[in-house]
Amino acid sequence: MTDLSRSPGKYFRQLESSGDTLLVIKNSEIKYAVMNIETYKKLIEAEELFENSQIAEILKERAVVPKEEYLEVDIDEI
């Protein structure tokens, strides 16, 4: 962390050109992850795609439930 605080520009330029993520370790534990904005946007997009695929899988599983097994619920009682 000391080297990063002394010359952050060097690390930020490296992150910008490489797309890598910098892990900041303190007391043998990862404390921070620093990445350029494009890498961050890709990470968020991947997370959203994963969530959407999970939702799609749930809907796919529910699609095979026979209509007789549906539960009728009054919205006002929820």
PDB file of N, CA and C in Angstrom:
ATOM      1  N   MET A   1       0.818  -1.178   0.000  1.00  0.00           N
ATOM      2  CA  MET A   1       0.000   0.000   0.000  1.00  0.00           C
ATOM      3  C   MET A   1       0.872   1.255   0.000  1.00  0.00           C
ATOM      4  N   THR A   2       2.039   1.161   0.606  1.00  0.00           N
ATOM      5  CA  THR A   2       2.928   2.310   0.682  1.00  0.00           C
ATOM      6  C   THR A   2       3.363   2.752  -0.707  1.00  0.00           C
ATOM      7  N   ASP A   3       3.755   1.813  -1.557  1.00  0.00           N
ATOM      8  CA  ASP A   3       4.192   2.152  -2.911  1.00  0.00           C
ATOM      9  C   ASP A   3       3.052   2.779  -3.704  1.00  0.00           C
ATOM     10  N   LEU A   4       1.853   2.287  -3.541  1.00  0.00           N
ATOM     11  CA  LEU A   4       0.688   2.848  -4.227  1.00  0.00           C
ATOM     12  C   LEU A   4       0.435   4.283  -3.784  1.00  0.00           C
ATOM     13  N   SER A   5       0.571   4.545  -2.513  1.00  0.00           N
ATOM     14  CA  SER A   5       0.320   5.905  -2.015  1.00  0.00           C
ATOM     15  C   SER A   5       1.408   6.878  -2.461  1.00  0.00           C
ATOM     16  N   ARG A   6       2.612   6.367  -2.722  1.00  0.00           N
ATOM     17  CA  ARG A   6       3.710   7.235  -3.163  1.00  0.00           C
ATOM     18  C   ARG A   6       3.604   7.594  -4.646  1.00  0.00           C
ATOM     19  N   SER A   7       3.161   6.651  -5.450  1.00  0.00           N
ATOM     20  CA  SER A   7       3.097   6.914  -6.897  1.00  0.00           C
ATOM     21  C   SER A   7       1.841   6.278  -7.510  1.00  0.00           C
ATOM     22  N   PRO A   8       0.660   6.791  -7.148  1.00  0.00           N
ATOM     23  CA  PRO A   8      -0.585   6.197  -7.648  1.00  0.00           C
ATOM     24  C   PRO A   8      -0.731   6.313  -9.170  1.00  0.00           C
ATOM     25  N   GLY A   9      -0.221   7.394  -9.753  1.00  0.00           N
ATOM     26  CA  GLY A   9      -0.341   7.591 -11.202  1.00  0.00           C
ATOM     27  C   GLY A   9       0.254   6.445 -11.993  1.00  0.00           C
ATOM     28  N   LYS A  10       1.382   5.934 -11.534  1.00  0.00           N
ATOM     29  CA  LYS A  10       2.039   4.808 -12.206  1.00  0.00           C
ATOM     30  C   LYS A  10       1.103   3.598 -12.266  1.00  0.00           C
ATOM     31  N   TYR A  11       0.458   3.324 -11.167  1.00  0.00           N
ATOM     32  CA  TYR A  11      -0.444   2.171 -11.103  1.00  0.00           C
ATOM     33  C   TYR A  11      -1.721   2.417 -11.913  1.00  0.00           C
ATOM     34  N   PHE A  12      -2.253   3.622 -11.836  1.00  0.00           N
ATOM     35  CA  PHE A  12      -3.472   3.922 -12.585  1.00  0.00           C
ATOM     36  C   PHE A  12      -3.238   3.850 -14.090  1.00  0.00           C
ATOM     37  N   ARG A  13      -2.090   4.324 -14.557  1.00  0.00           N
ATOM     38  CA  ARG A  13      -1.766   4.219 -15.988  1.00  0.00           C
ATOM     39  C   ARG A  13      -1.653   2.752 -16.405  1.00  0.00           C
ATOM     40  N   GLN A  14      -1.045   1.957 -15.547  1.00  0.00           N
ATOM     41  CA  GLN A  14      -0.892   0.528 -15.835  1.00  0.00           C
ATOM     42  C   GLN A  14      -2.261  -0.158 -15.896  1.00  0.00           C
ATOM     43  N   LEU A  15      -3.148   0.179 -14.979  1.00  0.00           N
ATOM     44  CA  LEU A  15      -4.492  -0.396 -14.972  1.00  0.00           C
ATOM     45  C   LEU A  15      -5.264   0.028 -16.216  1.00  0.00           C
ATOM     46  N   GLU A  16      -5.106   1.281 -16.610  1.00  0.00           N
ATOM     47  CA  GLU A  16      -5.815   1.806 -17.774  1.00  0.00           C
ATOM     48  C   GLU A  16      -5.402   1.066 -19.043  1.00  0.00           C
ATOM     49  N   SER A  17      -4.120   0.816 -19.196  1.00  0.00           N
ATOM     50  CA  SER A  17      -3.647   0.189 -20.432  1.00  0.00           C
ATOM     51  C   SER A  17      -3.825  -1.325 -20.433  1.00  0.00           C
ATOM     52  N   SER A  18      -3.767  -1.953 -19.274  1.00  0.00           N
ATOM     53  CA  SER A  18      -3.797  -3.423 -19.227  1.00  0.00           C
ATOM     54  C   SER A  18      -5.185  -3.998 -19.007  1.00  0.00           C
ATOM     55  N   GLY A  19      -6.055  -3.253 -18.319  1.00  0.00           N
ATOM     56  CA  GLY A  19      -7.356  -3.794 -17.961  1.00  0.00           C
ATOM     57  C   GLY A  19      -7.287  -4.727 -16.762  1.00  0.00           C
ATOM     58  N   ASP A  20      -6.121  -4.831 -16.162  1.00  0.00           N
ATOM     59  CA  ASP A  20      -5.957  -5.684 -14.983  1.00  0.00           C
ATOM     60  C   ASP A  20      -6.616  -5.053 -13.763  1.00  0.00           C
ATOM     61  N   THR A  21      -6.705  -5.829 -12.707  1.00  0.00           N
ATOM     62  CA  THR A  21      -7.213  -5.343 -11.429  1.00  0.00           C
ATOM     63  C   THR A  21      -6.077  -5.373 -10.420  1.00  0.00           C
ATOM     64  N   LEU A  22      -5.957  -4.313  -9.669  1.00  0.00           N
ATOM     65  CA  LEU A  22      -4.933  -4.211  -8.644  1.00  0.00           C
ATOM     66  C   LEU A  22      -5.559  -4.576  -7.310  1.00  0.00           C
ATOM     67  N   LEU A  23      -4.998  -5.543  -6.629  1.00  0.00           N
ATOM     68  CA  LEU A  23      -5.475  -5.924  -5.301  1.00  0.00           C
ATOM     69  C   LEU A  23      -4.567  -5.292  -4.262  1.00  0.00           C
ATOM     70  N   VAL A  24      -5.143  -4.569  -3.336  1.00  0.00           N
ATOM     71  CA  VAL A  24      -4.388  -3.914  -2.272  1.00  0.00           C
ATOM     72  C   VAL A  24      -4.455  -4.814  -1.046  1.00  0.00           C
ATOM     73  N   ILE A  25      -3.276  -5.220  -0.595  1.00  0.00           N
ATOM     74  CA  ILE A  25      -3.180  -6.156   0.529  1.00  0.00           C
ATOM     75  C   ILE A  25      -2.589  -5.432   1.738  1.00  0.00           C
ATOM     76  N   LYS A  26      -3.245  -5.630   2.859  1.00  0.00           N
ATOM     77  CA  LYS A  26      -2.757  -5.061   4.113  1.00  0.00           C
ATOM     78  C   LYS A  26      -2.866  -6.138   5.177  1.00  0.00           C
ATOM     79  N   ASN A  27      -1.785  -6.360   5.896  1.00  0.00           N
ATOM     80  CA  ASN A  27      -1.730  -7.403   6.928  1.00  0.00           C
ATOM     81  C   ASN A  27      -2.140  -8.759   6.357  1.00  0.00           C
ATOM     82  N   SER A  28      -1.623  -9.079   5.181  1.00  0.00           N
ATOM     83  CA  SER A  28      -1.855 -10.365   4.510  1.00  0.00           C
ATOM     84  C   SER A  28      -3.314 -10.606   4.136  1.00  0.00           C
ATOM     85  N   GLU A  29      -4.092  -9.549   4.010  1.00  0.00           N
ATOM     86  CA  GLU A  29      -5.505  -9.674   3.670  1.00  0.00           C
ATOM     87  C   GLU A  29      -5.842  -8.675   2.569  1.00  0.00           C
ATOM     88  N   ILE A  30      -6.597  -9.132   1.570  1.00  0.00           N
ATOM     89  CA  ILE A  30      -7.013  -8.236   0.497  1.00  0.00           C
ATOM     90  C   ILE A  30      -8.020  -7.249   1.071  1.00  0.00           C
ATOM     91  N   LYS A  31      -7.709  -5.965   0.941  1.00  0.00           N
ATOM     92  CA  LYS A  31      -8.572  -4.914   1.484  1.00  0.00           C
ATOM     93  C   LYS A  31      -9.359  -4.198   0.393  1.00  0.00           C
ATOM     94  N   TYR A  32      -8.736  -4.043  -0.799  1.00  0.00           N
ATOM     95  CA  TYR A  32      -9.373  -3.285  -1.879  1.00  0.00           C
ATOM     96  C   TYR A  32      -9.033  -3.921  -3.214  1.00  0.00           C
ATOM     97  N   ALA A  33      -9.934  -3.708  -4.172  1.00  0.00           N
ATOM     98  CA  ALA A  33      -9.673  -4.087  -5.561  1.00  0.00           C
ATOM     99  C   ALA A  33      -9.847  -2.817  -6.382  1.00  0.00           C
ATOM    100  N   VAL A  34      -8.813  -2.449  -7.133  1.00  0.00           N
ATOM    101  CA  VAL A  34      -8.841  -1.238  -7.944  1.00  0.00           C
ATOM    102  C   VAL A  34      -8.785  -1.665  -9.404  1.00  0.00           C
ATOM    103  N   MET A  35      -9.745  -1.144 -10.198  1.00  0.00           N
ATOM    104  CA  MET A  35      -9.787  -1.505 -11.615  1.00  0.00           C
ATOM    105  C   MET A  35     -10.220  -0.293 -12.424  1.00  0.00           C
ATOM    106  N   ASN A  36      -9.916  -0.322 -13.727  1.00  0.00           N
ATOM    107  CA  ASN A  36     -10.369   0.797 -14.550  1.00  0.00           C
ATOM    108  C   ASN A  36     -11.872   0.665 -14.784  1.00  0.00           C
ATOM    109  N   ILE A  37     -12.488   1.741 -15.226  1.00  0.00           N
ATOM    110  CA  ILE A  37     -13.946   1.795 -15.329  1.00  0.00           C
ATOM    111  C   ILE A  37     -14.488   0.808 -16.359  1.00  0.00           C
ATOM    112  N   GLU A  38     -13.751   0.569 -17.431  1.00  0.00           N
ATOM    113  CA  GLU A  38     -14.221  -0.381 -18.443  1.00  0.00           C
ATOM    114  C   GLU A  38     -14.276  -1.802 -17.880  1.00  0.00           C
ATOM    115  N   THR A  39     -13.286  -2.170 -17.095  1.00  0.00           N
ATOM    116  CA  THR A  39     -13.289  -3.487 -16.451  1.00  0.00           C
ATOM    117  C   THR A  39     -14.447  -3.585 -15.471  1.00  0.00           C
ATOM    118  N   TYR A  40     -14.694  -2.512 -14.726  1.00  0.00           N
ATOM    119  CA  TYR A  40     -15.804  -2.480 -13.778  1.00  0.00           C
ATOM    120  C   TYR A  40     -17.142  -2.641 -14.501  1.00  0.00           C
ATOM    121  N   LYS A  41     -17.327  -1.922 -15.608  1.00  0.00           N
ATOM    122  CA  LYS A  41     -18.574  -2.023 -16.370  1.00  0.00           C
ATOM    123  C   LYS A  41     -18.791  -3.441 -16.881  1.00  0.00           C
ATOM    124  N   LYS A  42     -17.720  -4.080 -17.350  1.00  0.00           N
ATOM    125  CA  LYS A  42     -17.825  -5.473 -17.820  1.00  0.00           C
ATOM    126  C   LYS A  42     -18.206  -6.404 -16.676  1.00  0.00           C
ATOM    127  N   LEU A  43     -17.667  -6.147 -15.506  1.00  0.00           N
ATOM    128  CA  LEU A  43     -17.981  -6.958 -14.332  1.00  0.00           C
ATOM    129  C   LEU A  43     -19.454  -6.821 -13.960  1.00  0.00           C
ATOM    130  N   ILE A  44     -19.966  -5.604 -13.973  1.00  0.00           N
ATOM    131  CA  ILE A  44     -21.378  -5.360 -13.661  1.00  0.00           C
ATOM    132  C   ILE A  44     -22.267  -6.012 -14.714  1.00  0.00           C
ATOM    133  N   GLU A  45     -21.882  -5.895 -15.981  1.00  0.00           N
ATOM    134  CA  GLU A  45     -22.657  -6.514 -17.061  1.00  0.00           C
ATOM    135  C   GLU A  45     -22.693  -8.038 -16.909  1.00  0.00           C
ATOM    136  N   ALA A  46     -21.555  -8.626 -16.557  1.00  0.00           N
ATOM    137  CA  ALA A  46     -21.500 -10.074 -16.357  1.00  0.00           C
ATOM    138  C   ALA A  46     -22.390 -10.493 -15.190  1.00  0.00           C
ATOM    139  N   GLU A  47     -22.395  -9.706 -14.133  1.00  0.00           N
ATOM    140  CA  GLU A  47     -23.247 -10.003 -12.977  1.00  0.00           C
ATOM    141  C   GLU A  47     -24.723  -9.961 -13.373  1.00  0.00           C
ATOM    142  N   GLU A  48     -25.110  -8.959 -14.163  1.00  0.00           N
ATOM    143  CA  GLU A  48     -26.496  -8.842 -14.610  1.00  0.00           C
ATOM    144  C   GLU A  48     -26.890 -10.011 -15.513  1.00  0.00           C
ATOM    145  N   LEU A  49     -25.987 -10.418 -16.400  1.00  0.00           N
ATOM    146  CA  LEU A  49     -26.264 -11.566 -17.268  1.00  0.00           C
ATOM    147  C   LEU A  49     -26.447 -12.830 -16.448  1.00  0.00           C
ATOM    148  N   PHE A  50     -25.619 -12.993 -15.424  1.00  0.00           N
ATOM    149  CA  PHE A  50     -25.726 -14.162 -14.555  1.00  0.00           C
ATOM    150  C   PHE A  50     -27.059 -14.171 -13.820  1.00  0.00           C
ATOM    151  N   GLU A  51     -27.452 -13.015 -13.282  1.00  0.00           N
ATOM    152  CA  GLU A  51     -28.733 -12.919 -12.588  1.00  0.00           C
ATOM    153  C   GLU A  51     -29.888 -13.234 -13.535  1.00  0.00           C
ATOM    154  N   ASN A  52     -29.817 -12.695 -14.759  1.00  0.00           N
ATOM    155  CA  ASN A  52     -30.866 -12.961 -15.745  1.00  0.00           C
ATOM    156  C   ASN A  52     -30.934 -14.441 -16.104  1.00  0.00           C
ATOM    157  N   SER A  53     -29.780 -15.098 -16.187  1.00  0.00           N
ATOM    158  CA  SER A  53     -29.786 -16.520 -16.506  1.00  0.00           C
ATOM    159  C   SER A  53     -30.386 -17.330 -15.356  1.00  0.00           C
ATOM    160  N   GLN A  54     -30.157 -16.888 -14.126  1.00  0.00           N
ATOM    161  CA  GLN A  54     -30.761 -17.562 -12.972  1.00  0.00           C
ATOM    162  C   GLN A  54     -32.278 -17.395 -13.003  1.00  0.00           C
ATOM    163  N   ILE A  55     -32.746 -16.196 -13.310  1.00  0.00           N
ATOM    164  CA  ILE A  55     -34.188 -15.947 -13.397  1.00  0.00           C
ATOM    165  C   ILE A  55     -34.800 -16.789 -14.511  1.00  0.00           C
ATOM    166  N   ALA A  56     -34.121 -16.854 -15.646  1.00  0.00           N
ATOM    167  CA  ALA A  56     -34.614 -17.651 -16.771  1.00  0.00           C
ATOM    168  C   ALA A  56     -34.712 -19.126 -16.389  1.00  0.00           C
ATOM    169  N   GLU A  57     -33.753 -19.610 -15.629  1.00  0.00           N
ATOM    170  CA  GLU A  57     -33.775 -21.007 -15.197  1.00  0.00           C
ATOM    171  C   GLU A  57     -34.957 -21.270 -14.260  1.00  0.00           C
ATOM    172  N   ILE A  58     -35.222 -20.348 -13.357  1.00  0.00           N
ATOM    173  CA  ILE A  58     -36.365 -20.487 -12.447  1.00  0.00           C
ATOM    174  C   ILE A  58     -37.666 -20.507 -13.241  1.00  0.00           C
ATOM    175  N   LEU A  59     -37.801 -19.595 -14.197  1.00  0.00           N
ATOM    176  CA  LEU A  59     -39.009 -19.545 -15.021  1.00  0.00           C
ATOM    177  C   LEU A  59     -39.175 -20.826 -15.839  1.00  0.00           C
ATOM    178  N   LYS A  60     -38.072 -21.339 -16.315  1.00  0.00           N
ATOM    179  CA  LYS A  60     -38.103 -22.590 -17.088  1.00  0.00           C
ATOM    180  C   LYS A  60     -38.603 -23.745 -16.216  1.00  0.00           C
ATOM    181  N   GLU A  61     -38.116 -23.809 -14.982  1.00  0.00           N
ATOM    182  CA  GLU A  61     -38.545 -24.852 -14.053  1.00  0.00           C
ATOM    183  C   GLU A  61     -40.028 -24.708 -13.713  1.00  0.00           C
ATOM    184  N   ARG A  62     -40.472 -23.474 -13.528  1.00  0.00           N
ATOM    185  CA  ARG A  62     -41.870 -23.235 -13.171  1.00  0.00           C
ATOM    186  C   ARG A  62     -42.811 -23.494 -14.340  1.00  0.00           C
ATOM    187  N   ALA A  63     -42.311 -23.384 -15.537  1.00  0.00           N
ATOM    188  CA  ALA A  63     -43.153 -23.569 -16.722  1.00  0.00           C
ATOM    189  C   ALA A  63     -43.685 -24.997 -16.837  1.00  0.00           C
ATOM    190  N   VAL A  64     -43.016 -25.951 -16.205  1.00  0.00           N
ATOM    191  CA  VAL A  64     -43.442 -27.347 -16.301  1.00  0.00           C
ATOM    192  C   VAL A  64     -44.388 -27.762 -15.174  1.00  0.00           C
ATOM    193  N   VAL A  65     -44.687 -26.844 -14.263  1.00  0.00           N
ATOM    194  CA  VAL A  65     -45.615 -27.140 -13.171  1.00  0.00           C
ATOM    195  C   VAL A  65     -47.034 -27.152 -13.743  1.00  0.00           C
ATOM    196  N   PRO A  66     -47.748 -28.249 -13.545  1.00  0.00           N
ATOM    197  CA  PRO A  66     -49.122 -28.316 -14.058  1.00  0.00           C
ATOM    198  C   PRO A  66     -49.998 -27.241 -13.420  1.00  0.00           C
ATOM    199  N   LYS A  67     -50.945 -26.735 -14.196  1.00  0.00           N
ATOM    200  CA  LYS A  67     -51.819 -25.665 -13.730  1.00  0.00           C
ATOM    201  C   LYS A  67     -52.612 -26.081 -12.490  1.00  0.00           C
ATOM    202  N   GLU A  68     -52.882 -27.355 -12.346  1.00  0.00           N
ATOM    203  CA  GLU A  68     -53.623 -27.851 -11.184  1.00  0.00           C
ATOM    204  C   GLU A  68     -52.854 -27.628  -9.881  1.00  0.00           C
ATOM    205  N   GLU A  69     -51.553 -27.487  -9.957  1.00  0.00           N
ATOM    206  CA  GLU A  69     -50.734 -27.300  -8.764  1.00  0.00           C
ATOM    207  C   GLU A  69     -50.536 -25.831  -8.412  1.00  0.00           C
ATOM    208  N   TYR A  70     -51.073 -24.925  -9.208  1.00  0.00           N
ATOM    209  CA  TYR A  70     -50.966 -23.497  -8.912  1.00  0.00           C
ATOM    210  C   TYR A  70     -51.717 -23.192  -7.630  1.00  0.00           C
ATOM    211  N   LEU A  71     -51.244 -22.227  -6.892  1.00  0.00           N
ATOM    212  CA  LEU A  71     -51.924 -21.763  -5.693  1.00  0.00           C
ATOM    213  C   LEU A  71     -52.614 -20.450  -6.013  1.00  0.00           C
ATOM    214  N   GLU A  72     -53.853 -20.330  -5.574  1.00  0.00           N
ATOM    215  CA  GLU A  72     -54.567 -19.093  -5.776  1.00  0.00           C
ATOM    216  C   GLU A  72     -54.371 -18.232  -4.536  1.00  0.00           C
ATOM    217  N   VAL A  73     -53.927 -16.979  -4.755  1.00  0.00           N
ATOM    218  CA  VAL A  73     -53.641 -16.082  -3.638  1.00  0.00           C
ATOM    219  C   VAL A  73     -54.281 -14.729  -3.919  1.00  0.00           C
ATOM    220  N   ASP A  74     -54.905 -14.192  -2.889  1.00  0.00           N
ATOM    221  CA  ASP A  74     -55.489 -12.849  -3.002  1.00  0.00           C
ATOM    222  C   ASP A  74     -54.386 -11.847  -2.663  1.00  0.00           C
ATOM    223  N   ILE A  75     -54.103 -10.942  -3.569  1.00  0.00           N
ATOM    224  CA  ILE A  75     -53.025  -9.963  -3.392  1.00  0.00           C
ATOM    225  C   ILE A  75     -53.204  -9.131  -2.141  1.00  0.00           C
ATOM    226  N   ASP A  76     -54.431  -8.886  -1.729  1.00  0.00           N
ATOM    227  CA  ASP A  76     -54.691  -8.090  -0.537  1.00  0.00           C
ATOM    228  C   ASP A  76     -54.351  -8.832   0.744  1.00  0.00           C
ATOM    229  N   GLU A  77     -54.195 -10.146   0.656  1.00  0.00           N
ATOM    230  CA  GLU A  77     -53.883 -10.941   1.854  1.00  0.00           C
ATOM    231  C   GLU A  77     -52.381 -11.129   2.047  1.00  0.00           C
ATOM    232  N   ILE A  78     -51.627 -10.648   1.130  1.00  0.00           N
ATOM    233  CA  ILE A  78     -50.161 -10.826   1.227  1.00  0.00           C
ATOM    234  C   ILE A  78     -49.564  -9.728   2.056  1.00  0.00           C
TER     235      ILE A  78
END
